[in-house]
Amino acid sequence: MIKAQEKQLLPDVPTDKLNQAVEFPKLPYVSTWSNAQGVRFFDAELKRDGNDVAPFLTGQFIVKPGATSVTDCHDVREVWIVGRGKGILYYNQKPLEISECDYLFYDSQESLQVTNTGQEDLVIYCCWWT
Protein backbone atom coordinates (compact mmCIF):
# COMPACT_ATOMS: atom_id res chain seq x y z
CA MET A 1 0.00 0.00 0.00
CA ILE A 2 1.44 3.37 -0.95
CA LYS A 3 1.41 5.82 1.95
CA ALA A 4 -0.35 9.19 1.78
CA GLN A 5 3.02 11.00 1.78
CA GLU A 6 4.13 9.03 -1.28
CA LYS A 7 0.91 9.88 -3.13
CA GLN A 8 1.91 13.54 -2.99
CA LEU A 9 4.96 12.69 -5.11
CA LEU A 10 2.63 11.63 -7.97
CA PRO A 11 0.08 14.46 -8.12
CA ASP A 12 -0.85 13.84 -11.79
CA VAL A 13 -2.00 10.26 -11.16
CA PRO A 14 -5.63 9.82 -10.02
CA THR A 15 -5.79 7.97 -6.69
CA ASP A 16 -7.79 5.06 -8.14
CA LYS A 17 -5.07 4.53 -10.80
CA LEU A 18 -2.06 4.93 -8.49
CA ASN A 19 -1.19 1.23 -8.07
CA GLN A 20 -1.56 0.67 -11.83
CA ALA A 21 0.91 3.47 -12.56
CA VAL A 22 3.75 1.88 -10.56
CA GLU A 23 5.67 -1.24 -11.64
CA PHE A 24 5.99 -3.30 -8.47
CA PRO A 25 9.04 -5.54 -7.92
CA LYS A 26 6.95 -8.37 -6.41
CA LEU A 27 8.00 -11.79 -7.72
CA PRO A 28 5.58 -14.73 -7.83
CA TYR A 29 5.98 -18.19 -6.32
CA VAL A 30 6.36 -20.72 -9.15
CA SER A 31 6.02 -23.96 -7.28
CA THR A 32 4.90 -25.37 -3.98
CA TRP A 33 5.84 -28.80 -2.74
CA SER A 34 6.22 -30.87 0.39
CA ASN A 35 8.73 -33.42 1.62
CA ALA A 36 6.95 -34.40 4.84
CA GLN A 37 3.55 -34.14 6.53
CA GLY A 38 3.11 -30.58 7.83
CA VAL A 39 5.99 -29.09 5.79
CA ARG A 40 5.34 -26.91 2.73
CA PHE A 41 7.91 -25.25 0.42
CA PHE A 42 7.34 -22.23 -1.83
CA ASP A 43 9.95 -21.50 -4.53
CA ALA A 44 10.03 -17.95 -5.93
CA GLU A 45 10.34 -17.01 -9.61
CA LEU A 46 13.47 -14.84 -9.84
CA LYS A 47 12.92 -13.70 -13.40
CA ARG A 48 11.63 -10.56 -15.03
CA ASP A 49 10.79 -10.52 -18.74
CA GLY A 50 12.27 -14.04 -18.97
CA ASN A 51 15.68 -13.02 -17.58
CA ASP A 52 17.23 -14.03 -14.25
CA VAL A 53 17.28 -11.16 -11.75
CA ALA A 54 19.65 -12.72 -9.20
CA PRO A 55 22.59 -15.16 -9.06
CA PHE A 56 20.76 -17.32 -6.48
CA LEU A 57 17.40 -19.03 -5.90
CA THR A 58 15.03 -18.25 -3.07
CA GLY A 59 11.86 -19.33 -1.36
CA GLN A 60 10.32 -20.05 1.97
CA PHE A 61 9.05 -23.02 3.86
CA ILE A 62 6.52 -23.44 6.60
CA VAL A 63 6.67 -26.17 9.23
CA LYS A 64 3.47 -26.77 11.19
CA PRO A 65 3.64 -27.22 14.98
CA GLY A 66 5.00 -30.68 15.82
CA ALA A 67 6.07 -31.41 12.22
CA THR A 68 9.61 -32.37 11.11
CA SER A 69 11.18 -31.98 7.68
CA VAL A 70 13.10 -34.83 6.08
CA THR A 71 16.88 -34.66 6.34
CA ASP A 72 18.31 -32.63 3.46
CA CYS A 73 21.87 -32.65 2.14
CA HIS A 74 22.81 -31.09 -1.21
CA ASP A 75 25.56 -29.49 -3.29
CA VAL A 76 24.44 -25.88 -2.84
CA ARG A 77 25.29 -23.33 -0.15
CA GLU A 78 22.31 -21.89 1.69
CA VAL A 79 21.14 -19.16 4.08
CA TRP A 80 18.03 -19.45 6.23
CA ILE A 81 16.30 -16.57 8.00
CA VAL A 82 13.75 -17.56 10.62
CA GLY A 83 10.81 -15.22 10.10
CA ARG A 84 8.48 -16.60 12.76
CA GLY A 85 8.27 -19.38 15.30
CA LYS A 86 10.81 -21.63 16.97
CA GLY A 87 12.19 -25.09 16.59
CA ILE A 88 15.12 -27.45 16.68
CA LEU A 89 17.53 -27.54 13.75
CA TYR A 90 19.46 -30.79 13.39
CA TYR A 91 22.66 -29.55 11.76
CA ASN A 92 24.89 -32.51 10.85
CA GLN A 93 22.78 -34.49 13.38
CA LYS A 94 23.53 -32.02 16.20
CA PRO A 95 20.51 -30.18 17.72
CA LEU A 96 20.41 -26.38 17.79
CA GLU A 97 17.51 -24.25 19.01
CA ILE A 98 16.38 -21.69 16.43
CA SER A 99 13.84 -18.89 16.66
CA GLU A 100 12.58 -15.72 15.02
CA CYS A 101 15.30 -13.46 13.54
CA ASP A 102 18.01 -16.15 13.49
CA TYR A 103 20.25 -16.13 10.39
CA LEU A 104 21.85 -19.46 9.51
CA PHE A 105 24.47 -20.38 6.90
CA TYR A 106 25.10 -23.88 5.55
CA ASP A 107 27.91 -25.01 3.30
CA SER A 108 27.34 -27.71 0.71
CA GLN A 109 27.01 -31.34 1.84
CA GLU A 110 25.89 -30.45 5.38
CA SER A 111 22.79 -32.28 6.61
CA LEU A 112 19.79 -30.23 7.72
CA GLN A 113 16.51 -31.16 9.36
CA VAL A 114 14.11 -28.98 11.34
CA THR A 115 11.32 -29.67 13.84
CA ASN A 116 8.77 -27.07 14.90
CA THR A 117 8.64 -27.10 18.72
CA GLY A 118 6.35 -24.08 19.04
CA GLN A 119 2.61 -23.47 19.00
CA GLU A 120 2.61 -21.46 15.75
CA ASP A 121 3.93 -22.08 12.24
CA LEU A 122 7.71 -22.00 11.88
CA VAL A 123 8.38 -19.80 8.83
CA ILE A 124 11.85 -19.90 7.29
CA TYR A 125 13.02 -17.84 4.31
CA CYS A 126 15.93 -19.27 2.36
CA CYS A 127 18.23 -18.60 -0.55
CA TRP A 128 20.76 -20.92 -2.14
CA TRP A 129 23.48 -20.87 -4.75
CA THR A 130 26.29 -23.06 -6.10
C-alpha atoms as a PDB file:
ATOM      1  CA  MET A   1       0.000   0.000   0.000  1.00  0.00           C
ATOM      2  CA  ILE A   2       1.443   3.375  -0.950  1.00  0.00           C
ATOM      3  CA  LYS A   3       1.408   5.824   1.955  1.00  0.00           C
ATOM      4  CA  ALA A   4      -0.345   9.185   1.783  1.00  0.00           C
ATOM      5  CA  GLN A   5       3.017  10.997   1.780  1.00  0.00           C
ATOM      6  CA  GLU A   6       4.128   9.035  -1.281  1.00  0.00           C
ATOM      7  CA  LYS A   7       0.908   9.879  -3.135  1.00  0.00           C
ATOM      8  CA  GLN A   8       1.911  13.540  -2.986  1.00  0.00           C
ATOM      9  CA  LEU A   9       4.957  12.690  -5.112  1.00  0.00           C
ATOM     10  CA  LEU A  10       2.628  11.628  -7.967  1.00  0.00           C
ATOM     11  CA  PRO A  11       0.079  14.461  -8.116  1.00  0.00           C
ATOM     12  CA  ASP A  12      -0.854  13.837 -11.788  1.00  0.00           C
ATOM     13  CA  VAL A  13      -2.004  10.263 -11.157  1.00  0.00           C
ATOM     14  CA  PRO A  14      -5.632   9.822 -10.023  1.00  0.00           C
ATOM     15  CA  THR A  15      -5.793   7.970  -6.686  1.00  0.00           C
ATOM     16  CA  ASP A  16      -7.788   5.061  -8.145  1.00  0.00           C
ATOM     17  CA  LYS A  17      -5.070   4.529 -10.802  1.00  0.00           C
ATOM     18  CA  LEU A  18      -2.062   4.927  -8.492  1.00  0.00           C
ATOM     19  CA  ASN A  19      -1.192   1.226  -8.067  1.00  0.00           C
ATOM     20  CA  GLN A  20      -1.558   0.665 -11.827  1.00  0.00           C
ATOM     21  CA  ALA A  21       0.914   3.474 -12.559  1.00  0.00           C
ATOM     22  CA  VAL A  22       3.752   1.882 -10.556  1.00  0.00           C
ATOM     23  CA  GLU A  23       5.669  -1.238 -11.639  1.00  0.00           C
ATOM     24  CA  PHE A  24       5.990  -3.299  -8.468  1.00  0.00           C
ATOM     25  CA  PRO A  25       9.039  -5.536  -7.916  1.00  0.00           C
ATOM     26  CA  LYS A  26       6.947  -8.371  -6.410  1.00  0.00           C
ATOM     27  CA  LEU A  27       8.001 -11.795  -7.718  1.00  0.00           C
ATOM     28  CA  PRO A  28       5.577 -14.732  -7.831  1.00  0.00           C
ATOM     29  CA  TYR A  29       5.984 -18.191  -6.324  1.00  0.00           C
ATOM     30  CA  VAL A  30       6.362 -20.717  -9.145  1.00  0.00           C
ATOM     31  CA  SER A  31       6.017 -23.960  -7.277  1.00  0.00           C
ATOM     32  CA  THR A  32       4.903 -25.367  -3.984  1.00  0.00           C
ATOM     33  CA  TRP A  33       5.837 -28.800  -2.745  1.00  0.00           C
ATOM     34  CA  SER A  34       6.218 -30.869   0.393  1.00  0.00           C
ATOM     35  CA  ASN A  35       8.730 -33.424   1.618  1.00  0.00           C
ATOM     36  CA  ALA A  36       6.949 -34.396   4.843  1.00  0.00           C
ATOM     37  CA  GLN A  37       3.550 -34.144   6.534  1.00  0.00           C
ATOM     38  CA  GLY A  38       3.111 -30.575   7.834  1.00  0.00           C
ATOM     39  CA  VAL A  39       5.990 -29.091   5.792  1.00  0.00           C
ATOM     40  CA  ARG A  40       5.342 -26.914   2.726  1.00  0.00           C
ATOM     41  CA  PHE A  41       7.913 -25.252   0.423  1.00  0.00           C
ATOM     42  CA  PHE A  42       7.335 -22.233  -1.831  1.00  0.00           C
ATOM     43  CA  ASP A  43       9.949 -21.502  -4.528  1.00  0.00           C
ATOM     44  CA  ALA A  44      10.026 -17.950  -5.931  1.00  0.00           C
ATOM     45  CA  GLU A  45      10.343 -17.009  -9.605  1.00  0.00           C
ATOM     46  CA  LEU A  46      13.470 -14.838  -9.841  1.00  0.00           C
ATOM     47  CA  LYS A  47      12.918 -13.698 -13.402  1.00  0.00           C
ATOM     48  CA  ARG A  48      11.633 -10.562 -15.028  1.00  0.00           C
ATOM     49  CA  ASP A  49      10.793 -10.522 -18.737  1.00  0.00           C
ATOM     50  CA  GLY A  50      12.267 -14.038 -18.969  1.00  0.00           C
ATOM     51  CA  ASN A  51      15.680 -13.017 -17.575  1.00  0.00           C
ATOM     52  CA  ASP A  52      17.231 -14.032 -14.252  1.00  0.00           C
ATOM     53  CA  VAL A  53      17.279 -11.157 -11.752  1.00  0.00           C
ATOM     54  CA  ALA A  54      19.652 -12.722  -9.197  1.00  0.00           C
ATOM     55  CA  PRO A  55      22.591 -15.163  -9.061  1.00  0.00           C
ATOM     56  CA  PHE A  56      20.759 -17.317  -6.485  1.00  0.00           C
ATOM     57  CA  LEU A  57      17.403 -19.032  -5.905  1.00  0.00           C
ATOM     58  CA  THR A  58      15.028 -18.254  -3.066  1.00  0.00           C
ATOM     59  CA  GLY A  59      11.864 -19.328  -1.361  1.00  0.00           C
ATOM     60  CA  GLN A  60      10.323 -20.047   1.970  1.00  0.00           C
ATOM     61  CA  PHE A  61       9.055 -23.021   3.857  1.00  0.00           C
ATOM     62  CA  ILE A  62       6.519 -23.443   6.600  1.00  0.00           C
ATOM     63  CA  VAL A  63       6.673 -26.167   9.234  1.00  0.00           C
ATOM     64  CA  LYS A  64       3.466 -26.769  11.188  1.00  0.00           C
ATOM     65  CA  PRO A  65       3.638 -27.224  14.982  1.00  0.00           C
ATOM     66  CA  GLY A  66       5.002 -30.681  15.821  1.00  0.00           C
ATOM     67  CA  ALA A  67       6.074 -31.409  12.223  1.00  0.00           C
ATOM     68  CA  THR A  68       9.605 -32.368  11.110  1.00  0.00           C
ATOM     69  CA  SER A  69      11.183 -31.982   7.678  1.00  0.00           C
ATOM     70  CA  VAL A  70      13.098 -34.828   6.077  1.00  0.00           C
ATOM     71  CA  THR A  71      16.884 -34.663   6.342  1.00  0.00           C
ATOM     72  CA  ASP A  72      18.309 -32.625   3.464  1.00  0.00           C
ATOM     73  CA  CYS A  73      21.871 -32.647   2.139  1.00  0.00           C
ATOM     74  CA  HIS A  74      22.813 -31.091  -1.213  1.00  0.00           C
ATOM     75  CA  ASP A  75      25.559 -29.491  -3.289  1.00  0.00           C
ATOM     76  CA  VAL A  76      24.443 -25.876  -2.840  1.00  0.00           C
ATOM     77  CA  ARG A  77      25.292 -23.327  -0.150  1.00  0.00           C
ATOM     78  CA  GLU A  78      22.313 -21.893   1.688  1.00  0.00           C
ATOM     79  CA  VAL A  79      21.142 -19.165   4.075  1.00  0.00           C
ATOM     80  CA  TRP A  80      18.027 -19.454   6.231  1.00  0.00           C
ATOM     81  CA  ILE A  81      16.304 -16.569   7.995  1.00  0.00           C
ATOM     82  CA  VAL A  82      13.748 -17.559  10.617  1.00  0.00           C
ATOM     83  CA  GLY A  83      10.815 -15.223  10.096  1.00  0.00           C
ATOM     84  CA  ARG A  84       8.484 -16.603  12.764  1.00  0.00           C
ATOM     85  CA  GLY A  85       8.267 -19.382  15.301  1.00  0.00           C
ATOM     86  CA  LYS A  86      10.812 -21.626  16.966  1.00  0.00           C
ATOM     87  CA  GLY A  87      12.190 -25.092  16.591  1.00  0.00           C
ATOM     88  CA  ILE A  88      15.123 -27.450  16.682  1.00  0.00           C
ATOM     89  CA  LEU A  89      17.527 -27.535  13.752  1.00  0.00           C
ATOM     90  CA  TYR A  90      19.463 -30.787  13.385  1.00  0.00           C
ATOM     91  CA  TYR A  91      22.665 -29.548  11.761  1.00  0.00           C
ATOM     92  CA  ASN A  92      24.889 -32.507  10.853  1.00  0.00           C
ATOM     93  CA  GLN A  93      22.778 -34.492  13.377  1.00  0.00           C
ATOM     94  CA  LYS A  94      23.530 -32.016  16.205  1.00  0.00           C
ATOM     95  CA  PRO A  95      20.509 -30.178  17.719  1.00  0.00           C
ATOM     96  CA  LEU A  96      20.414 -26.384  17.793  1.00  0.00           C
ATOM     97  CA  GLU A  97      17.507 -24.254  19.014  1.00  0.00           C
ATOM     98  CA  ILE A  98      16.375 -21.695  16.426  1.00  0.00           C
ATOM     99  CA  SER A  99      13.839 -18.891  16.664  1.00  0.00           C
ATOM    100  CA  GLU A 100      12.583 -15.724  15.022  1.00  0.00           C
ATOM    101  CA  CYS A 101      15.303 -13.464  13.544  1.00  0.00           C
ATOM    102  CA  ASP A 102      18.008 -16.153  13.492  1.00  0.00           C
ATOM    103  CA  TYR A 103      20.249 -16.130  10.390  1.00  0.00           C
ATOM    104  CA  LEU A 104      21.851 -19.463   9.512  1.00  0.00           C
ATOM    105  CA  PHE A 105      24.471 -20.377   6.904  1.00  0.00           C
ATOM    106  CA  TYR A 106      25.103 -23.882   5.548  1.00  0.00           C
ATOM    107  CA  ASP A 107      27.908 -25.009   3.300  1.00  0.00           C
ATOM    108  CA  SER A 108      27.344 -27.712   0.707  1.00  0.00           C
ATOM    109  CA  GLN A 109      27.013 -31.343   1.838  1.00  0.00           C
ATOM    110  CA  GLU A 110      25.890 -30.454   5.376  1.00  0.00           C
ATOM    111  CA  SER A 111      22.788 -32.281   6.609  1.00  0.00           C
ATOM    112  CA  LEU A 112      19.787 -30.235   7.725  1.00  0.00           C
ATOM    113  CA  GLN A 113      16.506 -31.162   9.360  1.00  0.00           C
ATOM    114  CA  VAL A 114      14.115 -28.982  11.336  1.00  0.00           C
ATOM    115  CA  THR A 115      11.316 -29.671  13.840  1.00  0.00           C
ATOM    116  CA  ASN A 116       8.770 -27.066  14.901  1.00  0.00           C
ATOM    117  CA  THR A 117       8.641 -27.102  18.720  1.00  0.00           C
ATOM    118  CA  GLY A 118       6.351 -24.085  19.044  1.00  0.00           C
ATOM    119  CA  GLN A 119       2.611 -23.470  19.004  1.00  0.00           C
ATOM    120  CA  GLU A 120       2.611 -21.463  15.749  1.00  0.00           C
ATOM    121  CA  ASP A 121       3.927 -22.079  12.243  1.00  0.00           C
ATOM    122  CA  LEU A 122       7.706 -22.000  11.881  1.00  0.00           C
ATOM    123  CA  VAL A 123       8.377 -19.799   8.832  1.00  0.00           C
ATOM    124  CA  ILE A 124      11.848 -19.901   7.288  1.00  0.00           C
ATOM    125  CA  TYR A 125      13.023 -17.841   4.310  1.00  0.00           C
ATOM    126  CA  CYS A 126      15.928 -19.269   2.364  1.00  0.00           C
ATOM    127  CA  CYS A 127      18.225 -18.596  -0.553  1.00  0.00           C
ATOM    128  CA  TRP A 128      20.762 -20.918  -2.136  1.00  0.00           C
ATOM    129  CA  TRP A 129      23.484 -20.868  -4.750  1.00  0.00           C
ATOM    130  CA  THR A 130      26.287 -23.059  -6.099  1.00  0.00           C
END
